[in-house]
Amino acid sequence: MTTKTVITKCAIGPYPRPLPAGMFDDMPQVKVTFSDGTETTLFEFYPDEISFSESEFIGLTENEAYALKIQKDKAYLQS
């Protein structure tokens, strides 16, 4: 039986400073720890377009986490 590796811990940030000071700051990153102990940065995002909470990622697989980002990007672009 294959066990799915899921996200057990998530940290998001750091967020850029308010504009104009933060104009060239890095975008926040979603960093996760999986149930097998591996840690990785999944992606960066534009916080003025979409937002996340750490709890949204807990229990998701890596593919499900990317699908969540795509879903939020799509909703933003269609709004």
PDB file of N, CA and C in Angstrom:
ATOM      1  N   MET A   1       0.845  -1.193   0.000  1.00  0.00           N
ATOM      2  CA  MET A   1       0.000   0.000   0.000  1.00  0.00           C
ATOM      3  C   MET A   1       0.882   1.245   0.000  1.00  0.00           C
ATOM      4  N   THR A   2       0.601   2.176  -0.888  1.00  0.00           N
ATOM      5  CA  THR A   2       1.354   3.410  -0.979  1.00  0.00           C
ATOM      6  C   THR A   2       0.665   4.484  -0.147  1.00  0.00           C
ATOM      7  N   THR A   3       1.423   5.140   0.705  1.00  0.00           N
ATOM      8  CA  THR A   3       0.891   6.213   1.523  1.00  0.00           C
ATOM      9  C   THR A   3       1.187   7.545   0.841  1.00  0.00           C
ATOM     10  N   LYS A   4       0.183   8.390   0.740  1.00  0.00           N
ATOM     11  CA  LYS A   4       0.376   9.706   0.142  1.00  0.00           C
ATOM     12  C   LYS A   4       1.200  10.580   1.085  1.00  0.00           C
ATOM     13  N   THR A   5       2.151  11.309   0.531  1.00  0.00           N
ATOM     14  CA  THR A   5       2.910  12.282   1.298  1.00  0.00           C
ATOM     15  C   THR A   5       2.104  13.572   1.313  1.00  0.00           C
ATOM     16  N   VAL A   6       1.753  14.032   2.502  1.00  0.00           N
ATOM     17  CA  VAL A   6       0.925  15.232   2.628  1.00  0.00           C
ATOM     18  C   VAL A   6       1.659  16.300   3.419  1.00  0.00           C
ATOM     19  N   ILE A   7       1.183  17.499   3.283  1.00  0.00           N
ATOM     20  CA  ILE A   7       1.765  18.643   3.989  1.00  0.00           C
ATOM     21  C   ILE A   7       1.329  18.589   5.450  1.00  0.00           C
ATOM     22  N   THR A   8       2.318  18.695   6.340  1.00  0.00           N
ATOM     23  CA  THR A   8       2.031  18.684   7.776  1.00  0.00           C
ATOM     24  C   THR A   8       2.297  20.035   8.436  1.00  0.00           C
ATOM     25  N   LYS A   9       3.069  20.893   7.753  1.00  0.00           N
ATOM     26  CA  LYS A   9       3.410  22.202   8.303  1.00  0.00           C
ATOM     27  C   LYS A   9       3.563  23.177   7.149  1.00  0.00           C
ATOM     28  N   CYS A  10       3.152  24.418   7.364  1.00  0.00           N
ATOM     29  CA  CYS A  10       3.228  25.426   6.316  1.00  0.00           C
ATOM     30  C   CYS A  10       3.577  26.777   6.920  1.00  0.00           C
ATOM     31  N   ALA A  11       4.426  27.523   6.224  1.00  0.00           N
ATOM     32  CA  ALA A  11       4.753  28.897   6.609  1.00  0.00           C
ATOM     33  C   ALA A  11       4.665  29.754   5.356  1.00  0.00           C
ATOM     34  N   ILE A  12       4.052  30.914   5.485  1.00  0.00           N
ATOM     35  CA  ILE A  12       3.877  31.824   4.354  1.00  0.00           C
ATOM     36  C   ILE A  12       4.506  33.171   4.705  1.00  0.00           C
ATOM     37  N   GLY A  13       5.311  33.704   3.793  1.00  0.00           N
ATOM     38  CA  GLY A  13       5.899  35.016   4.017  1.00  0.00           C
ATOM     39  C   GLY A  13       7.339  35.044   3.533  1.00  0.00           C
ATOM     40  N   PRO A  14       8.078  36.051   3.850  1.00  0.00           N
ATOM     41  CA  PRO A  14       7.596  37.303   4.416  1.00  0.00           C
ATOM     42  C   PRO A  14       6.874  38.135   3.365  1.00  0.00           C
ATOM     43  N   TYR A  15       5.976  38.965   3.826  1.00  0.00           N
ATOM     44  CA  TYR A  15       5.212  39.823   2.923  1.00  0.00           C
ATOM     45  C   TYR A  15       6.002  41.091   2.630  1.00  0.00           C
ATOM     46  N   PRO A  16       5.842  41.646   1.421  1.00  0.00           N
ATOM     47  CA  PRO A  16       6.552  42.888   1.086  1.00  0.00           C
ATOM     48  C   PRO A  16       6.021  44.052   1.905  1.00  0.00           C
ATOM     49  N   ARG A  17       6.859  45.057   2.022  1.00  0.00           N
ATOM     50  CA  ARG A  17       6.446  46.286   2.707  1.00  0.00           C
ATOM     51  C   ARG A  17       5.401  46.999   1.849  1.00  0.00           C
ATOM     52  N   PRO A  18       4.630  47.882   2.461  1.00  0.00           N
ATOM     53  CA  PRO A  18       3.647  48.643   1.675  1.00  0.00           C
ATOM     54  C   PRO A  18       4.350  49.463   0.589  1.00  0.00           C
ATOM     55  N   LEU A  19       3.637  49.703  -0.499  1.00  0.00           N
ATOM     56  CA  LEU A  19       4.174  50.517  -1.586  1.00  0.00           C
ATOM     57  C   LEU A  19       4.244  51.969  -1.152  1.00  0.00           C
ATOM     58  N   PRO A  20       5.151  52.746  -1.618  1.00  0.00           N
ATOM     59  CA  PRO A  20       6.130  52.430  -2.646  1.00  0.00           C
ATOM     60  C   PRO A  20       7.400  51.763  -2.101  1.00  0.00           C
ATOM     61  N   ALA A  21       7.613  51.767  -0.784  1.00  0.00           N
ATOM     62  CA  ALA A  21       8.861  51.233  -0.216  1.00  0.00           C
ATOM     63  C   ALA A  21       9.097  49.777  -0.611  1.00  0.00           C
ATOM     64  N   GLY A  22       8.036  48.971  -0.684  1.00  0.00           N
ATOM     65  CA  GLY A  22       8.188  47.559  -0.957  1.00  0.00           C
ATOM     66  C   GLY A  22       8.121  47.174  -2.418  1.00  0.00           C
ATOM     67  N   MET A  23       8.213  48.158  -3.290  1.00  0.00           N
ATOM     68  CA  MET A  23       8.047  47.899  -4.716  1.00  0.00           C
ATOM     69  C   MET A  23       8.966  46.795  -5.246  1.00  0.00           C
ATOM     70  N   PHE A  24      10.170  46.712  -4.728  1.00  0.00           N
ATOM     71  CA  PHE A  24      11.126  45.724  -5.233  1.00  0.00           C
ATOM     72  C   PHE A  24      11.393  44.605  -4.225  1.00  0.00           C
ATOM     73  N   ASP A  25      10.568  44.506  -3.184  1.00  0.00           N
ATOM     74  CA  ASP A  25      10.697  43.412  -2.218  1.00  0.00           C
ATOM     75  C   ASP A  25      10.304  42.092  -2.869  1.00  0.00           C
ATOM     76  N   ASP A  26      10.857  41.014  -2.354  1.00  0.00           N
ATOM     77  CA  ASP A  26      10.474  39.685  -2.838  1.00  0.00           C
ATOM     78  C   ASP A  26       9.023  39.408  -2.492  1.00  0.00           C
ATOM     79  N   MET A  27       8.388  38.587  -3.306  1.00  0.00           N
ATOM     80  CA  MET A  27       7.013  38.168  -3.036  1.00  0.00           C
ATOM     81  C   MET A  27       7.024  37.091  -1.951  1.00  0.00           C
ATOM     82  N   PRO A  28       5.901  36.963  -1.216  1.00  0.00           N
ATOM     83  CA  PRO A  28       5.853  35.929  -0.181  1.00  0.00           C
ATOM     84  C   PRO A  28       5.933  34.534  -0.788  1.00  0.00           C
ATOM     85  N   GLN A  29       6.513  33.617  -0.023  1.00  0.00           N
ATOM     86  CA  GLN A  29       6.672  32.238  -0.461  1.00  0.00           C
ATOM     87  C   GLN A  29       5.837  31.318   0.421  1.00  0.00           C
ATOM     88  N   VAL A  30       5.401  30.221  -0.155  1.00  0.00           N
ATOM     89  CA  VAL A  30       4.727  29.162   0.588  1.00  0.00           C
ATOM     90  C   VAL A  30       5.752  28.052   0.795  1.00  0.00           C
ATOM     91  N   LYS A  31       6.180  27.878   2.048  1.00  0.00           N
ATOM     92  CA  LYS A  31       7.162  26.860   2.403  1.00  0.00           C
ATOM     93  C   LYS A  31       6.457  25.795   3.228  1.00  0.00           C
ATOM     94  N   VAL A  32       6.695  24.533   2.869  1.00  0.00           N
ATOM     95  CA  VAL A  32       5.976  23.448   3.523  1.00  0.00           C
ATOM     96  C   VAL A  32       6.912  22.336   3.984  1.00  0.00           C
ATOM     97  N   THR A  33       6.411  21.561   4.946  1.00  0.00           N
ATOM     98  CA  THR A  33       7.053  20.332   5.387  1.00  0.00           C
ATOM     99  C   THR A  33       6.062  19.204   5.114  1.00  0.00           C
ATOM    100  N   PHE A  34       6.554  18.126   4.512  1.00  0.00           N
ATOM    101  CA  PHE A  34       5.713  16.979   4.190  1.00  0.00           C
ATOM    102  C   PHE A  34       5.795  15.918   5.279  1.00  0.00           C
ATOM    103  N   SER A  35       4.858  14.998   5.234  1.00  0.00           N
ATOM    104  CA  SER A  35       4.768  13.943   6.240  1.00  0.00           C
ATOM    105  C   SER A  35       5.999  13.038   6.258  1.00  0.00           C
ATOM    106  N   ASP A  36       6.791  13.039   5.183  1.00  0.00           N
ATOM    107  CA  ASP A  36       8.024  12.245   5.172  1.00  0.00           C
ATOM    108  C   ASP A  36       9.226  13.041   5.676  1.00  0.00           C
ATOM    109  N   GLY A  37       8.977  14.296   6.118  1.00  0.00           N
ATOM    110  CA  GLY A  37      10.037  15.129   6.683  1.00  0.00           C
ATOM    111  C   GLY A  37      10.714  16.066   5.711  1.00  0.00           C
ATOM    112  N   THR A  38      10.451  15.927   4.415  1.00  0.00           N
ATOM    113  CA  THR A  38      11.080  16.824   3.451  1.00  0.00           C
ATOM    114  C   THR A  38      10.463  18.216   3.548  1.00  0.00           C
ATOM    115  N   GLU A  39      11.302  19.216   3.291  1.00  0.00           N
ATOM    116  CA  GLU A  39      10.869  20.613   3.313  1.00  0.00           C
ATOM    117  C   GLU A  39      11.162  21.224   1.957  1.00  0.00           C
ATOM    118  N   THR A  40      10.266  22.079   1.490  1.00  0.00           N
ATOM    119  CA  THR A  40      10.478  22.728   0.197  1.00  0.00           C
ATOM    120  C   THR A  40       9.681  24.027   0.119  1.00  0.00           C
ATOM    121  N   THR A  41      10.084  24.878  -0.797  1.00  0.00           N
ATOM    122  CA  THR A  41       9.309  26.072  -1.139  1.00  0.00           C
ATOM    123  C   THR A  41       8.482  25.711  -2.359  1.00  0.00           C
ATOM    124  N   LEU A  42       7.158  25.804  -2.218  1.00  0.00           N
ATOM    125  CA  LEU A  42       6.275  25.430  -3.321  1.00  0.00           C
ATOM    126  C   LEU A  42       6.208  26.510  -4.393  1.00  0.00           C
ATOM    127  N   PHE A  43       5.946  27.748  -3.977  1.00  0.00           N
ATOM    128  CA  PHE A  43       5.796  28.827  -4.951  1.00  0.00           C
ATOM    129  C   PHE A  43       5.772  30.168  -4.259  1.00  0.00           C
ATOM    130  N   GLU A  44       5.892  31.222  -5.067  1.00  0.00           N
ATOM    131  CA  GLU A  44       5.686  32.603  -4.634  1.00  0.00           C
ATOM    132  C   GLU A  44       4.344  33.051  -5.203  1.00  0.00           C
ATOM    133  N   PHE A  45       3.797  34.135  -4.633  1.00  0.00           N
ATOM    134  CA  PHE A  45       2.540  34.656  -5.167  1.00  0.00           C
ATOM    135  C   PHE A  45       2.471  36.159  -4.949  1.00  0.00           C
ATOM    136  N   TYR A  46       1.585  36.803  -5.697  1.00  0.00           N
ATOM    137  CA  TYR A  46       1.370  38.243  -5.571  1.00  0.00           C
ATOM    138  C   TYR A  46       0.265  38.477  -4.543  1.00  0.00           C
ATOM    139  N   PRO A  47       0.613  39.007  -3.366  1.00  0.00           N
ATOM    140  CA  PRO A  47      -0.375  39.133  -2.292  1.00  0.00           C
ATOM    141  C   PRO A  47      -1.463  40.174  -2.551  1.00  0.00           C
ATOM    142  N   ASP A  48      -1.278  41.018  -3.565  1.00  0.00           N
ATOM    143  CA  ASP A  48      -2.334  41.966  -3.910  1.00  0.00           C
ATOM    144  C   ASP A  48      -3.368  41.317  -4.834  1.00  0.00           C
ATOM    145  N   GLU A  49      -3.091  40.078  -5.275  1.00  0.00           N
ATOM    146  CA  GLU A  49      -4.014  39.373  -6.162  1.00  0.00           C
ATOM    147  C   GLU A  49      -4.698  38.199  -5.472  1.00  0.00           C
ATOM    148  N   ILE A  50      -3.935  37.397  -4.747  1.00  0.00           N
ATOM    149  CA  ILE A  50      -4.500  36.235  -4.054  1.00  0.00           C
ATOM    150  C   ILE A  50      -3.908  36.143  -2.655  1.00  0.00           C
ATOM    151  N   SER A  51      -4.567  35.398  -1.789  1.00  0.00           N
ATOM    152  CA  SER A  51      -4.056  35.209  -0.432  1.00  0.00           C
ATOM    153  C   SER A  51      -4.269  33.765  -0.002  1.00  0.00           C
ATOM    154  N   PHE A  52      -3.484  33.369   0.968  1.00  0.00           N
ATOM    155  CA  PHE A  52      -3.548  32.019   1.513  1.00  0.00           C
ATOM    156  C   PHE A  52      -3.422  32.086   3.023  1.00  0.00           C
ATOM    157  N   SER A  53      -3.901  31.043   3.683  1.00  0.00           N
ATOM    158  CA  SER A  53      -3.607  30.850   5.096  1.00  0.00           C
ATOM    159  C   SER A  53      -2.879  29.519   5.209  1.00  0.00           C
ATOM    160  N   GLU A  54      -2.018  29.414   6.194  1.00  0.00           N
ATOM    161  CA  GLU A  54      -1.241  28.187   6.368  1.00  0.00           C
ATOM    162  C   GLU A  54      -2.139  26.965   6.476  1.00  0.00           C
ATOM    163  N   SER A  55      -3.269  27.111   7.160  1.00  0.00           N
ATOM    164  CA  SER A  55      -4.148  25.962   7.414  1.00  0.00           C
ATOM    165  C   SER A  55      -4.745  25.378   6.136  1.00  0.00           C
ATOM    166  N   GLU A  56      -4.828  26.167   5.066  1.00  0.00           N
ATOM    167  CA  GLU A  56      -5.369  25.661   3.799  1.00  0.00           C
ATOM    168  C   GLU A  56      -4.520  24.536   3.215  1.00  0.00           C
ATOM    169  N   PHE A  57      -3.234  24.506   3.551  1.00  0.00           N
ATOM    170  CA  PHE A  57      -2.315  23.553   2.945  1.00  0.00           C
ATOM    171  C   PHE A  57      -2.163  22.260   3.741  1.00  0.00           C
ATOM    172  N   ILE A  58      -2.513  22.281   5.015  1.00  0.00           N
ATOM    173  CA  ILE A  58      -2.321  21.107   5.870  1.00  0.00           C
ATOM    174  C   ILE A  58      -3.191  19.952   5.361  1.00  0.00           C
ATOM    175  N   GLY A  59      -2.556  18.807   5.130  1.00  0.00           N
ATOM    176  CA  GLY A  59      -3.262  17.624   4.650  1.00  0.00           C
ATOM    177  C   GLY A  59      -3.302  17.480   3.144  1.00  0.00           C
ATOM    178  N   LEU A  60      -2.844  18.499   2.408  1.00  0.00           N
ATOM    179  CA  LEU A  60      -2.837  18.427   0.950  1.00  0.00           C
ATOM    180  C   LEU A  60      -1.571  17.753   0.446  1.00  0.00           C
ATOM    181  N   THR A  61      -1.664  17.126  -0.714  1.00  0.00           N
ATOM    182  CA  THR A  61      -0.473  16.642  -1.404  1.00  0.00           C
ATOM    183  C   THR A  61       0.154  17.831  -2.130  1.00  0.00           C
ATOM    184  N   GLU A  62       1.345  17.634  -2.671  1.00  0.00           N
ATOM    185  CA  GLU A  62       1.996  18.704  -3.420  1.00  0.00           C
ATOM    186  C   GLU A  62       1.151  19.110  -4.623  1.00  0.00           C
ATOM    187  N   ASN A  63       0.613  18.140  -5.344  1.00  0.00           N
ATOM    188  CA  ASN A  63      -0.220  18.443  -6.509  1.00  0.00           C
ATOM    189  C   ASN A  63      -1.484  19.196  -6.108  1.00  0.00           C
ATOM    190  N   GLU A  64      -2.084  18.821  -4.985  1.00  0.00           N
ATOM    191  CA  GLU A  64      -3.291  19.515  -4.518  1.00  0.00           C
ATOM    192  C   GLU A  64      -2.967  20.954  -4.119  1.00  0.00           C
ATOM    193  N   ALA A  65      -1.786  21.185  -3.560  1.00  0.00           N
ATOM    194  CA  ALA A  65      -1.380  22.547  -3.191  1.00  0.00           C
ATOM    195  C   ALA A  65      -1.220  23.411  -4.440  1.00  0.00           C
ATOM    196  N   TYR A  66      -0.599  22.868  -5.486  1.00  0.00           N
ATOM    197  CA  TYR A  66      -0.477  23.609  -6.742  1.00  0.00           C
ATOM    198  C   TYR A  66      -1.852  23.862  -7.361  1.00  0.00           C
ATOM    199  N   ALA A  67      -2.753  22.890  -7.260  1.00  0.00           N
ATOM    200  CA  ALA A  67      -4.107  23.063  -7.788  1.00  0.00           C
ATOM    201  C   ALA A  67      -4.843  24.182  -7.051  1.00  0.00           C
ATOM    202  N   LEU A  68      -4.603  24.322  -5.755  1.00  0.00           N
ATOM    203  CA  LEU A  68      -5.210  25.406  -4.977  1.00  0.00           C
ATOM    204  C   LEU A  68      -4.736  26.754  -5.494  1.00  0.00           C
ATOM    205  N   LYS A  69      -3.434  26.877  -5.766  1.00  0.00           N
ATOM    206  CA  LYS A  69      -2.910  28.137  -6.305  1.00  0.00           C
ATOM    207  C   LYS A  69      -3.532  28.437  -7.661  1.00  0.00           C
ATOM    208  N   ILE A  70      -3.607  27.444  -8.519  1.00  0.00           N
ATOM    209  CA  ILE A  70      -4.195  27.633  -9.852  1.00  0.00           C
ATOM    210  C   ILE A  70      -5.652  28.070  -9.738  1.00  0.00           C
ATOM    211  N   GLN A  71      -6.381  27.445  -8.827  1.00  0.00           N
ATOM    212  CA  GLN A  71      -7.793  27.791  -8.613  1.00  0.00           C
ATOM    213  C   GLN A  71      -7.922  29.252  -8.180  1.00  0.00           C
ATOM    214  N   LYS A  72      -7.076  29.700  -7.262  1.00  0.00           N
ATOM    215  CA  LYS A  72      -7.155  31.094  -6.795  1.00  0.00           C
ATOM    216  C   LYS A  72      -6.701  32.070  -7.868  1.00  0.00           C
ATOM    217  N   ASP A  73      -5.663  31.706  -8.620  1.00  0.00           N
ATOM    218  CA  ASP A  73      -5.220  32.558  -9.734  1.00  0.00           C
ATOM    219  C   ASP A  73      -6.340  32.715 -10.762  1.00  0.00           C
ATOM    220  N   LYS A  74      -6.974  31.618 -11.094  1.00  0.00           N
ATOM    221  CA  LYS A  74      -8.053  31.632 -12.088  1.00  0.00           C
ATOM    222  C   LYS A  74      -9.216  32.495 -11.615  1.00  0.00           C
ATOM    223  N   ALA A  75      -9.602  32.344 -10.339  1.00  0.00           N
ATOM    224  CA  ALA A  75     -10.703  33.146  -9.795  1.00  0.00           C
ATOM    225  C   ALA A  75     -10.355  34.629  -9.837  1.00  0.00           C
ATOM    226  N   TYR A  76      -9.110  34.976  -9.524  1.00  0.00           N
ATOM    227  CA  TYR A  76      -8.692  36.378  -9.577  1.00  0.00           C
ATOM    228  C   TYR A  76      -8.752  36.915 -10.999  1.00  0.00           C
ATOM    229  N   LEU A  77      -8.226  36.149 -11.946  1.00  0.00           N
ATOM    230  CA  LEU A  77      -8.190  36.603 -13.337  1.00  0.00           C
ATOM    231  C   LEU A  77      -9.587  36.730 -13.944  1.00  0.00           C
ATOM    232  N   GLN A  78     -10.535  35.961 -13.440  1.00  0.00           N
ATOM    233  CA  GLN A  78     -11.898  36.016 -13.974  1.00  0.00           C
ATOM    234  C   GLN A  78     -12.777  37.040 -13.245  1.00  0.00           C
ATOM    235  N   SER A  79     -12.229  37.660 -12.202  1.00  0.00           N
ATOM    236  CA  SER A  79     -13.050  38.635 -11.440  1.00  0.00           C
ATOM    237  C   SER A  79     -13.027  40.002 -12.062  1.00  0.00           C
TER     238      SER A  79
END
